[in-house]
Amino acid sequence: RDEKEFNPLETLKNSPPSFSFHKKIWSWFYESLKEFHQNKL
């Protein structure tokens, strides 16, 4: 029934904290990888 399309990224940005939540998952995971790597060295 929809006549207008939507953009998922815009929807996340317009629904705080959805966009920052997604970004945080990836930044947390990569920081965890780097920390583990540095401690292993």
PDB file of all heavy atoms in Angstrom:
ATOM      1  N   ARG A   1       0.825  -1.227   0.000  1.00  0.00           N
ATOM      2  CA  ARG A   1       0.000   0.000   0.000  1.00  0.00           C
ATOM      3  C   ARG A   1       0.853   1.268   0.000  1.00  0.00           C
ATOM      4  O   ARG A   1       0.328   2.358  -0.243  1.00  0.00           O
ATOM      5  CB  ARG A   1      -0.912   0.002   1.229  1.00  0.00           C
ATOM      6  CG  ARG A   1      -1.914  -1.130   1.275  1.00  0.00           C
ATOM      7  CD  ARG A   1      -2.871  -0.956   2.446  1.00  0.00           C
ATOM      8  NE  ARG A   1      -2.145  -0.952   3.717  1.00  0.00           N
ATOM      9  CZ  ARG A   1      -1.846  -2.045   4.413  1.00  0.00           C
ATOM     10  NH1 ARG A   1      -2.207  -3.241   3.936  1.00  0.00           N
ATOM     11  NH2 ARG A   1      -1.206  -1.956   5.564  1.00  0.00           N
ATOM     12  N   ASP A   2       2.157   1.116   0.297  1.00  0.00           N
ATOM     13  CA  ASP A   2       3.018   2.294   0.390  1.00  0.00           C
ATOM     14  C   ASP A   2       3.188   2.959  -0.971  1.00  0.00           C
ATOM     15  O   ASP A   2       3.308   2.281  -2.001  1.00  0.00           O
ATOM     16  CB  ASP A   2       4.396   1.912   0.932  1.00  0.00           C
ATOM     17  CG  ASP A   2       4.344   1.495   2.393  1.00  0.00           C
ATOM     18  OD1 ASP A   2       3.316   1.738   3.035  1.00  0.00           O
ATOM     19  OD2 ASP A   2       5.335   0.906   2.877  1.00  0.00           O
ATOM     20  N   GLU A   3       3.199   4.277  -0.962  1.00  0.00           N
ATOM     21  CA  GLU A   3       3.460   5.038  -2.181  1.00  0.00           C
ATOM     22  C   GLU A   3       4.853   5.658  -2.178  1.00  0.00           C
ATOM     23  O   GLU A   3       5.396   5.965  -3.235  1.00  0.00           O
ATOM     24  CB  GLU A   3       2.405   6.145  -2.340  1.00  0.00           C
ATOM     25  CG  GLU A   3       0.992   5.606  -2.531  1.00  0.00           C
ATOM     26  CD  GLU A   3      -0.021   6.710  -2.726  1.00  0.00           C
ATOM     27  OE1 GLU A   3       0.381   7.900  -2.681  1.00  0.00           O
ATOM     28  OE2 GLU A   3      -1.213   6.397  -2.927  1.00  0.00           O
ATOM     29  N   LYS A   4       5.415   5.821  -0.974  1.00  0.00           N
ATOM     30  CA  LYS A   4       6.716   6.464  -0.845  1.00  0.00           C
ATOM     31  C   LYS A   4       7.747   5.470  -0.303  1.00  0.00           C
ATOM     32  O   LYS A   4       7.494   4.766   0.663  1.00  0.00           O
ATOM     33  CB  LYS A   4       6.620   7.672   0.092  1.00  0.00           C
ATOM     34  CG  LYS A   4       7.915   8.450   0.232  1.00  0.00           C
ATOM     35  CD  LYS A   4       7.738   9.644   1.154  1.00  0.00           C
ATOM     36  CE  LYS A   4       9.045  10.412   1.304  1.00  0.00           C
ATOM     37  NZ  LYS A   4       8.895  11.569   2.240  1.00  0.00           N
ATOM     38  N   GLU A   5       8.906   5.426  -0.951  1.00  0.00           N
ATOM     39  CA  GLU A   5       9.973   4.551  -0.487  1.00  0.00           C
ATOM     40  C   GLU A   5      10.684   5.177   0.708  1.00  0.00           C
ATOM     41  O   GLU A   5      10.608   6.388   0.933  1.00  0.00           O
ATOM     42  CB  GLU A   5      10.973   4.303  -1.624  1.00  0.00           C
ATOM     43  CG  GLU A   5      10.381   3.530  -2.786  1.00  0.00           C
ATOM     44  CD  GLU A   5      11.409   3.209  -3.855  1.00  0.00           C
ATOM     45  OE1 GLU A   5      12.417   3.954  -3.941  1.00  0.00           O
ATOM     46  OE2 GLU A   5      11.205   2.231  -4.594  1.00  0.00           O
ATOM     47  N   PHE A   6      11.358   4.326   1.488  1.00  0.00           N
ATOM     48  CA  PHE A   6      12.116   4.824   2.625  1.00  0.00           C
ATOM     49  C   PHE A   6      13.562   4.353   2.521  1.00  0.00           C
ATOM     50  O   PHE A   6      13.875   3.368   1.848  1.00  0.00           O
ATOM     51  CB  PHE A   6      11.495   4.365   3.947  1.00  0.00           C
ATOM     52  CG  PHE A   6      11.777   2.921   4.292  1.00  0.00           C
ATOM     53  CD1 PHE A   6      12.766   2.592   5.215  1.00  0.00           C
ATOM     54  CD2 PHE A   6      11.067   1.881   3.694  1.00  0.00           C
ATOM     55  CE1 PHE A   6      13.027   1.276   5.539  1.00  0.00           C
ATOM     56  CE2 PHE A   6      11.323   0.552   4.014  1.00  0.00           C
ATOM     57  CZ  PHE A   6      12.313   0.252   4.939  1.00  0.00           C
ATOM     58  N   ASN A   7      14.459   5.070   3.189  1.00  0.00           N
ATOM     59  CA  ASN A   7      15.872   4.738   3.230  1.00  0.00           C
ATOM     60  C   ASN A   7      16.198   4.213   4.636  1.00  0.00           C
ATOM     61  O   ASN A   7      16.023   4.941   5.620  1.00  0.00           O
ATOM     62  CB  ASN A   7      16.714   5.966   2.905  1.00  0.00           C
ATOM     63  CG  ASN A   7      18.199   5.725   3.128  1.00  0.00           C
ATOM     64  OD1 ASN A   7      18.788   6.278   4.050  1.00  0.00           O
ATOM     65  ND2 ASN A   7      18.807   4.902   2.297  1.00  0.00           N
ATOM     66  N   PRO A   8      16.660   2.960   4.780  1.00  0.00           N
ATOM     67  CA  PRO A   8      16.931   2.401   6.116  1.00  0.00           C
ATOM     68  C   PRO A   8      17.936   3.216   6.925  1.00  0.00           C
ATOM     69  O   PRO A   8      17.761   3.389   8.136  1.00  0.00           O
ATOM     70  CB  PRO A   8      17.473   1.000   5.800  1.00  0.00           C
ATOM     71  CG  PRO A   8      16.880   0.654   4.474  1.00  0.00           C
ATOM     72  CD  PRO A   8      16.825   1.944   3.717  1.00  0.00           C
ATOM     73  N   LEU A   9      18.991   3.733   6.262  1.00  0.00           N
ATOM     74  CA  LEU A   9      19.987   4.516   6.986  1.00  0.00           C
ATOM     75  C   LEU A   9      19.356   5.781   7.573  1.00  0.00           C
ATOM     76  O   LEU A   9      19.600   6.137   8.733  1.00  0.00           O
ATOM     77  CB  LEU A   9      21.137   4.879   6.047  1.00  0.00           C
ATOM     78  CG  LEU A   9      22.244   5.758   6.630  1.00  0.00           C
ATOM     79  CD1 LEU A   9      22.900   5.089   7.830  1.00  0.00           C
ATOM     80  CD2 LEU A   9      23.292   6.085   5.562  1.00  0.00           C
ATOM     81  N   GLU A  10      18.539   6.436   6.783  1.00  0.00           N
ATOM     82  CA  GLU A  10      17.860   7.644   7.267  1.00  0.00           C
ATOM     83  C   GLU A  10      16.931   7.303   8.427  1.00  0.00           C
ATOM     84  O   GLU A  10      16.823   8.067   9.397  1.00  0.00           O
ATOM     85  CB  GLU A  10      17.080   8.282   6.119  1.00  0.00           C
ATOM     86  CG  GLU A  10      16.383   9.577   6.491  1.00  0.00           C
ATOM     87  CD  GLU A  10      15.631  10.172   5.310  1.00  0.00           C
ATOM     88  OE1 GLU A  10      15.962   9.820   4.165  1.00  0.00           O
ATOM     89  OE2 GLU A  10      14.706  10.974   5.550  1.00  0.00           O
ATOM     90  N   THR A  11      16.266   6.153   8.341  1.00  0.00           N
ATOM     91  CA  THR A  11      15.372   5.726   9.423  1.00  0.00           C
ATOM     92  C   THR A  11      16.151   5.525  10.717  1.00  0.00           C
ATOM     93  O   THR A  11      15.704   5.937  11.796  1.00  0.00           O
ATOM     94  CB  THR A  11      14.652   4.423   9.040  1.00  0.00           C
ATOM     95  OG1 THR A  11      13.887   4.636   7.846  1.00  0.00           O
ATOM     96  CG2 THR A  11      13.721   3.963  10.148  1.00  0.00           C
ATOM     97  N   LEU A  12      17.330   4.888  10.629  1.00  0.00           N
ATOM     98  CA  LEU A  12      18.158   4.705  11.824  1.00  0.00           C
ATOM     99  C   LEU A  12      18.585   6.046  12.401  1.00  0.00           C
ATOM    100  O   LEU A  12      18.542   6.267  13.618  1.00  0.00           O
ATOM    101  CB  LEU A  12      19.388   3.868  11.488  1.00  0.00           C
ATOM    102  CG  LEU A  12      19.173   2.407  11.087  1.00  0.00           C
ATOM    103  CD1 LEU A  12      20.528   1.723  10.844  1.00  0.00           C
ATOM    104  CD2 LEU A  12      18.382   1.643  12.140  1.00  0.00           C
ATOM    105  N   LYS A  13      19.012   6.959  11.535  1.00  0.00           N
ATOM    106  CA  LYS A  13      19.484   8.265  12.010  1.00  0.00           C
ATOM    107  C   LYS A  13      18.359   9.083  12.643  1.00  0.00           C
ATOM    108  O   LYS A  13      18.612   9.891  13.552  1.00  0.00           O
ATOM    109  CB  LYS A  13      20.114   9.039  10.847  1.00  0.00           C
ATOM    110  CG  LYS A  13      21.462   8.476  10.408  1.00  0.00           C
ATOM    111  CD  LYS A  13      22.082   9.319   9.300  1.00  0.00           C
ATOM    112  CE  LYS A  13      23.493   8.833   8.972  1.00  0.00           C
ATOM    113  NZ  LYS A  13      24.125   9.640   7.903  1.00  0.00           N
ATOM    114  N   ASN A  14      17.138   8.871  12.172  1.00  0.00           N
ATOM    115  CA  ASN A  14      16.000   9.628  12.702  1.00  0.00           C
ATOM    116  C   ASN A  14      15.358   8.955  13.910  1.00  0.00           C
ATOM    117  O   ASN A  14      14.334   9.428  14.415  1.00  0.00           O
ATOM    118  CB  ASN A  14      14.942   9.826  11.611  1.00  0.00           C
ATOM    119  CG  ASN A  14      15.408  10.783  10.533  1.00  0.00           C
ATOM    120  OD1 ASN A  14      16.283  11.616  10.761  1.00  0.00           O
ATOM    121  ND2 ASN A  14      14.840  10.657   9.333  1.00  0.00           N
ATOM    122  N   SER A  15      15.949   7.834  14.366  1.00  0.00           N
ATOM    123  CA  SER A  15      15.402   7.096  15.510  1.00  0.00           C
ATOM    124  C   SER A  15      16.500   6.833  16.532  1.00  0.00           C
ATOM    125  O   SER A  15      16.942   5.706  16.729  1.00  0.00           O
ATOM    126  CB  SER A  15      14.791   5.765  15.037  1.00  0.00           C
ATOM    127  OG  SER A  15      13.844   5.961  14.025  1.00  0.00           O
ATOM    128  N   PRO A  16      16.994   7.891  17.190  1.00  0.00           N
ATOM    129  CA  PRO A  16      18.090   7.716  18.158  1.00  0.00           C
ATOM    130  C   PRO A  16      17.704   6.705  19.241  1.00  0.00           C
ATOM    131  O   PRO A  16      16.538   6.642  19.635  1.00  0.00           O
ATOM    132  CB  PRO A  16      18.271   9.117  18.742  1.00  0.00           C
ATOM    133  CG  PRO A  16      17.659  10.045  17.739  1.00  0.00           C
ATOM    134  CD  PRO A  16      16.530   9.269  17.116  1.00  0.00           C
ATOM    135  N   PRO A  17      18.694   5.873  19.721  1.00  0.00           N
ATOM    136  CA  PRO A  17      20.111   5.903  19.354  1.00  0.00           C
ATOM    137  C   PRO A  17      20.474   4.857  18.307  1.00  0.00           C
ATOM    138  O   PRO A  17      21.576   4.301  18.335  1.00  0.00           O
ATOM    139  CB  PRO A  17      20.778   5.565  20.691  1.00  0.00           C
ATOM    140  CG  PRO A  17      19.850   4.526  21.276  1.00  0.00           C
ATOM    141  CD  PRO A  17      18.459   4.944  20.853  1.00  0.00           C
ATOM    142  N   SER A  18      19.561   4.562  17.368  1.00  0.00           N
ATOM    143  CA  SER A  18      19.712   3.416  16.476  1.00  0.00           C
ATOM    144  C   SER A  18      20.995   3.466  15.649  1.00  0.00           C
ATOM    145  O   SER A  18      21.720   2.472  15.534  1.00  0.00           O
ATOM    146  CB  SER A  18      18.499   3.314  15.549  1.00  0.00           C
ATOM    147  OG  SER A  18      17.306   3.264  16.297  1.00  0.00           O
ATOM    148  N   PHE A  19      21.284   4.624  15.059  1.00  0.00           N
ATOM    149  CA  PHE A  19      22.481   4.729  14.214  1.00  0.00           C
ATOM    150  C   PHE A  19      23.749   4.572  15.048  1.00  0.00           C
ATOM    151  O   PHE A  19      24.652   3.804  14.693  1.00  0.00           O
ATOM    152  CB  PHE A  19      22.475   6.071  13.481  1.00  0.00           C
ATOM    153  CG  PHE A  19      23.683   6.288  12.605  1.00  0.00           C
ATOM    154  CD1 PHE A  19      23.888   5.506  11.480  1.00  0.00           C
ATOM    155  CD2 PHE A  19      24.616   7.266  12.912  1.00  0.00           C
ATOM    156  CE1 PHE A  19      25.005   5.694  10.675  1.00  0.00           C
ATOM    157  CE2 PHE A  19      25.729   7.470  12.120  1.00  0.00           C
ATOM    158  CZ  PHE A  19      25.934   6.674  10.994  1.00  0.00           C
ATOM    159  N   SER A  20      23.827   5.276  16.175  1.00  0.00           N
ATOM    160  CA  SER A  20      25.024   5.169  17.012  1.00  0.00           C
ATOM    161  C   SER A  20      25.152   3.774  17.618  1.00  0.00           C
ATOM    162  O   SER A  20      26.270   3.284  17.835  1.00  0.00           O
ATOM    163  CB  SER A  20      24.995   6.219  18.128  1.00  0.00           C
ATOM    164  OG  SER A  20      23.859   6.073  18.945  1.00  0.00           O
ATOM    165  N   PHE A  21      24.039   3.098  17.862  1.00  0.00           N
ATOM    166  CA  PHE A  21      24.051   1.729  18.381  1.00  0.00           C
ATOM    167  C   PHE A  21      24.731   0.790  17.386  1.00  0.00           C
ATOM    168  O   PHE A  21      25.587  -0.018  17.751  1.00  0.00           O
ATOM    169  CB  PHE A  21      22.624   1.273  18.664  1.00  0.00           C
ATOM    170  CG  PHE A  21      22.510  -0.125  19.204  1.00  0.00           C
ATOM    171  CD1 PHE A  21      22.820  -0.391  20.527  1.00  0.00           C
ATOM    172  CD2 PHE A  21      22.079  -1.165  18.399  1.00  0.00           C
ATOM    173  CE1 PHE A  21      22.705  -1.687  21.042  1.00  0.00           C
ATOM    174  CE2 PHE A  21      21.948  -2.453  18.894  1.00  0.00           C
ATOM    175  CZ  PHE A  21      22.267  -2.709  20.223  1.00  0.00           C
ATOM    176  N   HIS A  22      24.366   0.902  16.118  1.00  0.00           N
ATOM    177  CA  HIS A  22      24.977   0.054  15.085  1.00  0.00           C
ATOM    178  C   HIS A  22      26.470   0.363  14.932  1.00  0.00           C
ATOM    179  O   HIS A  22      27.300  -0.551  14.819  1.00  0.00           O
ATOM    180  CB  HIS A  22      24.252   0.244  13.755  1.00  0.00           C
ATOM    181  CG  HIS A  22      22.948  -0.483  13.674  1.00  0.00           C
ATOM    182  ND1 HIS A  22      21.828  -0.085  14.371  1.00  0.00           N
ATOM    183  CD2 HIS A  22      22.581  -1.591  12.983  1.00  0.00           C
ATOM    184  CE1 HIS A  22      20.833  -0.924  14.116  1.00  0.00           C
ATOM    185  NE2 HIS A  22      21.262  -1.850  13.272  1.00  0.00           N
ATOM    186  N   LYS A  23      26.813   1.632  14.912  1.00  0.00           N
ATOM    187  CA  LYS A  23      28.222   2.006  14.790  1.00  0.00           C
ATOM    188  C   LYS A  23      29.032   1.497  15.978  1.00  0.00           C
ATOM    189  O   LYS A  23      30.175   1.060  15.822  1.00  0.00           O
ATOM    190  CB  LYS A  23      28.365   3.520  14.667  1.00  0.00           C
ATOM    191  CG  LYS A  23      27.933   4.097  13.339  1.00  0.00           C
ATOM    192  CD  LYS A  23      28.373   5.542  13.172  1.00  0.00           C
ATOM    193  CE  LYS A  23      29.877   5.635  12.986  1.00  0.00           C
ATOM    194  NZ  LYS A  23      30.307   7.039  12.699  1.00  0.00           N
ATOM    195  N   LYS A  24      28.429   1.549  17.165  1.00  0.00           N
ATOM    196  CA  LYS A  24      29.143   1.139  18.367  1.00  0.00           C
ATOM    197  C   LYS A  24      29.454  -0.351  18.350  1.00  0.00           C
ATOM    198  O   LYS A  24      30.519  -0.776  18.834  1.00  0.00           O
ATOM    199  CB  LYS A  24      28.326   1.494  19.607  1.00  0.00           C
ATOM    200  CG  LYS A  24      29.022   1.180  20.924  1.00  0.00           C
ATOM    201  CD  LYS A  24      30.296   2.001  21.097  1.00  0.00           C
ATOM    202  CE  LYS A  24      30.956   1.721  22.437  1.00  0.00           C
ATOM    203  NZ  LYS A  24      32.200   2.492  22.622  1.00  0.00           N
ATOM    204  N   ILE A  25      28.560  -1.149  17.821  1.00  0.00           N
ATOM    205  CA  ILE A  25      28.829  -2.594  17.739  1.00  0.00           C
ATOM    206  C   ILE A  25      30.117  -2.832  16.972  1.00  0.00           C
ATOM    207  O   ILE A  25      30.994  -3.596  17.410  1.00  0.00           O
ATOM    208  CB  ILE A  25      27.650  -3.327  17.068  1.00  0.00           C
ATOM    209  CG1 ILE A  25      26.444  -3.349  18.010  1.00  0.00           C
ATOM    210  CG2 ILE A  25      28.041  -4.759  16.689  1.00  0.00           C
ATOM    211  CD1 ILE A  25      25.187  -3.911  17.384  1.00  0.00           C
ATOM    212  N   TRP A  26      30.276  -2.166  15.824  1.00  0.00           N
ATOM    213  CA  TRP A  26      31.459  -2.395  14.991  1.00  0.00           C
ATOM    214  C   TRP A  26      32.707  -1.752  15.579  1.00  0.00           C
ATOM    215  O   TRP A  26      33.796  -2.333  15.508  1.00  0.00           O
ATOM    216  CB  TRP A  26      31.203  -1.907  13.567  1.00  0.00           C
ATOM    217  CG  TRP A  26      30.221  -2.779  12.854  1.00  0.00           C
ATOM    218  CD1 TRP A  26      28.987  -2.437  12.393  1.00  0.00           C
ATOM    219  CD2 TRP A  26      30.384  -4.171  12.564  1.00  0.00           C
ATOM    220  NE1 TRP A  26      28.372  -3.521  11.825  1.00  0.00           N
ATOM    221  CE2 TRP A  26      29.205  -4.598  11.907  1.00  0.00           C
ATOM    222  CE3 TRP A  26      31.398  -5.101  12.782  1.00  0.00           C
ATOM    223  CZ2 TRP A  26      29.013  -5.913  11.475  1.00  0.00           C
ATOM    224  CZ3 TRP A  26      31.222  -6.411  12.355  1.00  0.00           C
ATOM    225  CH2 TRP A  26      30.047  -6.804  11.706  1.00  0.00           C
ATOM    226  N   SER A  27      32.587  -0.572  16.170  1.00  0.00           N
ATOM    227  CA  SER A  27      33.773   0.049  16.764  1.00  0.00           C
ATOM    228  C   SER A  27      34.233  -0.746  17.979  1.00  0.00           C
ATOM    229  O   SER A  27      35.433  -0.942  18.192  1.00  0.00           O
ATOM    230  CB  SER A  27      33.502   1.504  17.137  1.00  0.00           C
ATOM    231  OG  SER A  27      32.490   1.609  18.115  1.00  0.00           O
ATOM    232  N   TRP A  28      33.283  -1.228  18.783  1.00  0.00           N
ATOM    233  CA  TRP A  28      33.642  -2.067  19.937  1.00  0.00           C
ATOM    234  C   TRP A  28      34.359  -3.333  19.487  1.00  0.00           C
ATOM    235  O   TRP A  28      35.390  -3.714  20.054  1.00  0.00           O
ATOM    236  CB  TRP A  28      32.387  -2.445  20.734  1.00  0.00           C
ATOM    237  CG  TRP A  28      32.631  -3.600  21.661  1.00  0.00           C
ATOM    238  CD1 TRP A  28      33.203  -3.560  22.899  1.00  0.00           C
ATOM    239  CD2 TRP A  28      32.320  -4.983  21.403  1.00  0.00           C
ATOM    240  NE1 TRP A  28      33.281  -4.839  23.431  1.00  0.00           N
ATOM    241  CE2 TRP A  28      32.743  -5.723  22.533  1.00  0.00           C
ATOM    242  CE3 TRP A  28      31.734  -5.667  20.347  1.00  0.00           C
ATOM    243  CZ2 TRP A  28      32.588  -7.108  22.629  1.00  0.00           C
ATOM    244  CZ3 TRP A  28      31.584  -7.041  20.427  1.00  0.00           C
ATOM    245  CH2 TRP A  28      32.014  -7.744  21.559  1.00  0.00           C
ATOM    246  N   PHE A  29      33.825  -3.972  18.468  1.00  0.00           N
ATOM    247  CA  PHE A  29      34.409  -5.241  18.043  1.00  0.00           C
ATOM    248  C   PHE A  29      35.811  -5.026  17.479  1.00  0.00           C
ATOM    249  O   PHE A  29      36.738  -5.789  17.784  1.00  0.00           O
ATOM    250  CB  PHE A  29      33.507  -5.921  17.013  1.00  0.00           C
ATOM    251  CG  PHE A  29      33.934  -7.332  16.685  1.00  0.00           C
ATOM    252  CD1 PHE A  29      33.972  -8.300  17.662  1.00  0.00           C
ATOM    253  CD2 PHE A  29      34.311  -7.676  15.390  1.00  0.00           C
ATOM    254  CE1 PHE A  29      34.375  -9.606  17.366  1.00  0.00           C
ATOM    255  CE2 PHE A  29      34.709  -8.954  15.091  1.00  0.00           C
ATOM    256  CZ  PHE A  29      34.742  -9.930  16.076  1.00  0.00           C
ATOM    257  N   TYR A  30      35.994  -3.964  16.689  1.00  0.00           N
ATOM    258  CA  TYR A  30      37.328  -3.756  16.122  1.00  0.00           C
ATOM    259  C   TYR A  30      38.322  -3.335  17.202  1.00  0.00           C
ATOM    260  O   TYR A  30      39.491  -3.760  17.173  1.00  0.00           O
ATOM    261  CB  TYR A  30      37.297  -2.729  14.995  1.00  0.00           C
ATOM    262  CG  TYR A  30      38.534  -2.825  14.119  1.00  0.00           C
ATOM    263  CD1 TYR A  30      38.859  -4.030  13.508  1.00  0.00           C
ATOM    264  CD2 TYR A  30      39.375  -1.739  13.920  1.00  0.00           C
ATOM    265  CE1 TYR A  30      39.987  -4.148  12.725  1.00  0.00           C
ATOM    266  CE2 TYR A  30      40.512  -1.857  13.127  1.00  0.00           C
ATOM    267  CZ  TYR A  30      40.809  -3.063  12.535  1.00  0.00           C
ATOM    268  OH  TYR A  30      41.940  -3.193  11.768  1.00  0.00           O
ATOM    269  N   GLU A  31      37.894  -2.529  18.149  1.00  0.00           N
ATOM    270  CA  GLU A  31      38.782  -2.171  19.253  1.00  0.00           C
ATOM    271  C   GLU A  31      39.154  -3.401  20.064  1.00  0.00           C
ATOM    272  O   GLU A  31      40.294  -3.519  20.545  1.00  0.00           O
ATOM    273  CB  GLU A  31      38.121  -1.118  20.150  1.00  0.00           C
ATOM    274  CG  GLU A  31      38.036   0.267  19.528  1.00  0.00           C
ATOM    275  CD  GLU A  31      39.407   0.824  19.152  1.00  0.00           C
ATOM    276  OE1 GLU A  31      40.341   0.709  19.977  1.00  0.00           O
ATOM    277  OE2 GLU A  31      39.538   1.355  18.033  1.00  0.00           O
ATOM    278  N   SER A  32      38.227  -4.329  20.213  1.00  0.00           N
ATOM    279  CA  SER A  32      38.523  -5.580  20.927  1.00  0.00           C
ATOM    280  C   SER A  32      39.545  -6.410  20.168  1.00  0.00           C
ATOM    281  O   SER A  32      40.450  -7.009  20.768  1.00  0.00           O
ATOM    282  CB  SER A  32      37.229  -6.385  21.127  1.00  0.00           C
ATOM    283  OG  SER A  32      36.295  -5.671  21.899  1.00  0.00           O
ATOM    284  N   LEU A  33      39.425  -6.450  18.836  1.00  0.00           N
ATOM    285  CA  LEU A  33      40.412  -7.159  18.013  1.00  0.00           C
ATOM    286  C   LEU A  33      41.799  -6.537  18.180  1.00  0.00           C
ATOM    287  O   LEU A  33      42.803  -7.242  18.368  1.00  0.00           O
ATOM    288  CB  LEU A  33      40.009  -7.114  16.542  1.00  0.00           C
ATOM    289  CG  LEU A  33      38.747  -7.869  16.098  1.00  0.00           C
ATOM    290  CD1 LEU A  33      38.450  -7.569  14.645  1.00  0.00           C
ATOM    291  CD2 LEU A  33      38.899  -9.362  16.305  1.00  0.00           C
ATOM    292  N   LYS A  34      41.863  -5.218  18.111  1.00  0.00           N
ATOM    293  CA  LYS A  34      43.150  -4.527  18.213  1.00  0.00           C
ATOM    294  C   LYS A  34      43.778  -4.734  19.593  1.00  0.00           C
ATOM    295  O   LYS A  34      44.992  -4.960  19.706  1.00  0.00           O
ATOM    296  CB  LYS A  34      42.976  -3.038  17.916  1.00  0.00           C
ATOM    297  CG  LYS A  34      42.658  -2.736  16.464  1.00  0.00           C
ATOM    298  CD  LYS A  34      42.857  -1.267  16.121  1.00  0.00           C
ATOM    299  CE  LYS A  34      41.842  -0.390  16.779  1.00  0.00           C
ATOM    300  NZ  LYS A  34      41.954   1.026  16.338  1.00  0.00           N
ATOM    301  N   GLU A  35      42.952  -4.643  20.630  1.00  0.00           N
ATOM    302  CA  GLU A  35      43.475  -4.830  21.986  1.00  0.00           C
ATOM    303  C   GLU A  35      44.012  -6.245  22.175  1.00  0.00           C
ATOM    304  O   GLU A  35      45.082  -6.440  22.754  1.00  0.00           O
ATOM    305  CB  GLU A  35      42.373  -4.549  23.011  1.00  0.00           C
ATOM    306  CG  GLU A  35      42.833  -4.692  24.452  1.00  0.00           C
ATOM    307  CD  GLU A  35      41.721  -4.433  25.445  1.00  0.00           C
ATOM    308  OE1 GLU A  35      40.573  -4.178  25.013  1.00  0.00           O
ATOM    309  OE2 GLU A  35      41.993  -4.493  26.662  1.00  0.00           O
ATOM    310  N   PHE A  36      43.262  -7.235  21.677  1.00  0.00           N
ATOM    311  CA  PHE A  36      43.728  -8.616  21.789  1.00  0.00           C
ATOM    312  C   PHE A  36      45.034  -8.806  21.021  1.00  0.00           C
ATOM    313  O   PHE A  36      45.971  -9.454  21.499  1.00  0.00           O
ATOM    314  CB  PHE A  36      42.657  -9.575  21.263  1.00  0.00           C
ATOM    315  CG  PHE A  36      43.019 -11.030  21.454  1.00  0.00           C
ATOM    316  CD1 PHE A  36      42.750 -11.674  22.648  1.00  0.00           C
ATOM    317  CD2 PHE A  36      43.651 -11.752  20.439  1.00  0.00           C
ATOM    318  CE1 PHE A  36      43.097 -13.010  22.834  1.00  0.00           C
ATOM    319  CE2 PHE A  36      44.001 -13.073  20.611  1.00  0.00           C
ATOM    320  CZ  PHE A  36      43.723 -13.703  21.816  1.00  0.00           C
ATOM    321  N   HIS A  37      45.107  -8.215  19.830  1.00  0.00           N
ATOM    322  CA  HIS A  37      46.305  -8.317  18.996  1.00  0.00           C
ATOM    323  C   HIS A  37      47.516  -7.708  19.697  1.00  0.00           C
ATOM    324  O   HIS A  37      48.600  -8.313  19.744  1.00  0.00           O
ATOM    325  CB  HIS A  37      46.052  -7.605  17.666  1.00  0.00           C
ATOM    326  CG  HIS A  37      47.232  -7.550  16.759  1.00  0.00           C
ATOM    327  ND1 HIS A  37      47.670  -8.634  16.041  1.00  0.00           N
ATOM    328  CD2 HIS A  37      48.084  -6.534  16.459  1.00  0.00           C
ATOM    329  CE1 HIS A  37      48.725  -8.293  15.325  1.00  0.00           C
ATOM    330  NE2 HIS A  37      48.996  -7.028  15.569  1.00  0.00           N
ATOM    331  N   GLN A  38      47.341  -6.531  20.250  1.00  0.00           N
ATOM    332  CA  GLN A  38      48.459  -5.860  20.923  1.00  0.00           C
ATOM    333  C   GLN A  38      48.925  -6.630  22.151  1.00  0.00           C
ATOM    334  O   GLN A  38      50.135  -6.760  22.391  1.00  0.00           O
ATOM    335  CB  GLN A  38      48.023  -4.441  21.303  1.00  0.00           C
ATOM    336  CG  GLN A  38      47.843  -3.524  20.110  1.00  0.00           C
ATOM    337  CD  GLN A  38      47.033  -2.283  20.412  1.00  0.00           C
ATOM    338  OE1 GLN A  38      46.593  -2.074  21.560  1.00  0.00           O
ATOM    339  NE2 GLN A  38      46.797  -1.452  19.401  1.00  0.00           N
ATOM    340  N   ASN A  39      47.993  -7.164  22.927  1.00  0.00           N
ATOM    341  CA  ASN A  39      48.378  -7.935  24.114  1.00  0.00           C
ATOM    342  C   ASN A  39      49.080  -9.233  23.724  1.00  0.00           C
ATOM    343  O   ASN A  39      50.001  -9.675  24.422  1.00  0.00           O
ATOM    344  CB  ASN A  39      47.149  -8.225  24.963  1.00  0.00           C
ATOM    345  CG  ASN A  39      46.620  -6.992  25.663  1.00  0.00           C
ATOM    346  OD1 ASN A  39      47.379  -6.055  25.921  1.00  0.00           O
ATOM    347  ND2 ASN A  39      45.336  -6.973  25.964  1.00  0.00           N
ATOM    348  N   LYS A  40      48.660  -9.822  22.622  1.00  0.00           N
ATOM    349  CA  LYS A  40      49.308 -11.055  22.164  1.00  0.00           C
ATOM    350  C   LYS A  40      50.755 -10.770  21.746  1.00  0.00           C
ATOM    351  O   LYS A  40      51.658 -11.556  22.054  1.00  0.00           O
ATOM    352  CB  LYS A  40      48.513 -11.647  20.989  1.00  0.00           C
ATOM    353  CG  LYS A  40      49.043 -13.002  20.502  1.00  0.00           C
ATOM    354  CD  LYS A  40      48.052 -13.689  19.596  1.00  0.00           C
ATOM    355  CE  LYS A  40      47.843 -12.954  18.296  1.00  0.00           C
ATOM    356  NZ  LYS A  40      46.973 -13.695  17.362  1.00  0.00           N
ATOM    357  N   LEU A  41      50.977  -9.645  21.076  1.00  0.00           N
ATOM    358  CA  LEU A  41      52.345  -9.279  20.694  1.00  0.00           C
ATOM    359  C   LEU A  41      53.209  -9.042  21.928  1.00  0.00           C
ATOM    360  O   LEU A  41      54.388  -9.446  21.965  1.00  0.00           O
ATOM    361  CB  LEU A  41      52.319  -8.030  19.820  1.00  0.00           C
ATOM    362  CG  LEU A  41      51.765  -8.180  18.402  1.00  0.00           C
ATOM    363  CD1 LEU A  41      51.846  -6.842  17.678  1.00  0.00           C
ATOM    364  CD2 LEU A  41      52.526  -9.241  17.624  1.00  0.00           C
TER     365      LEU A  41
END
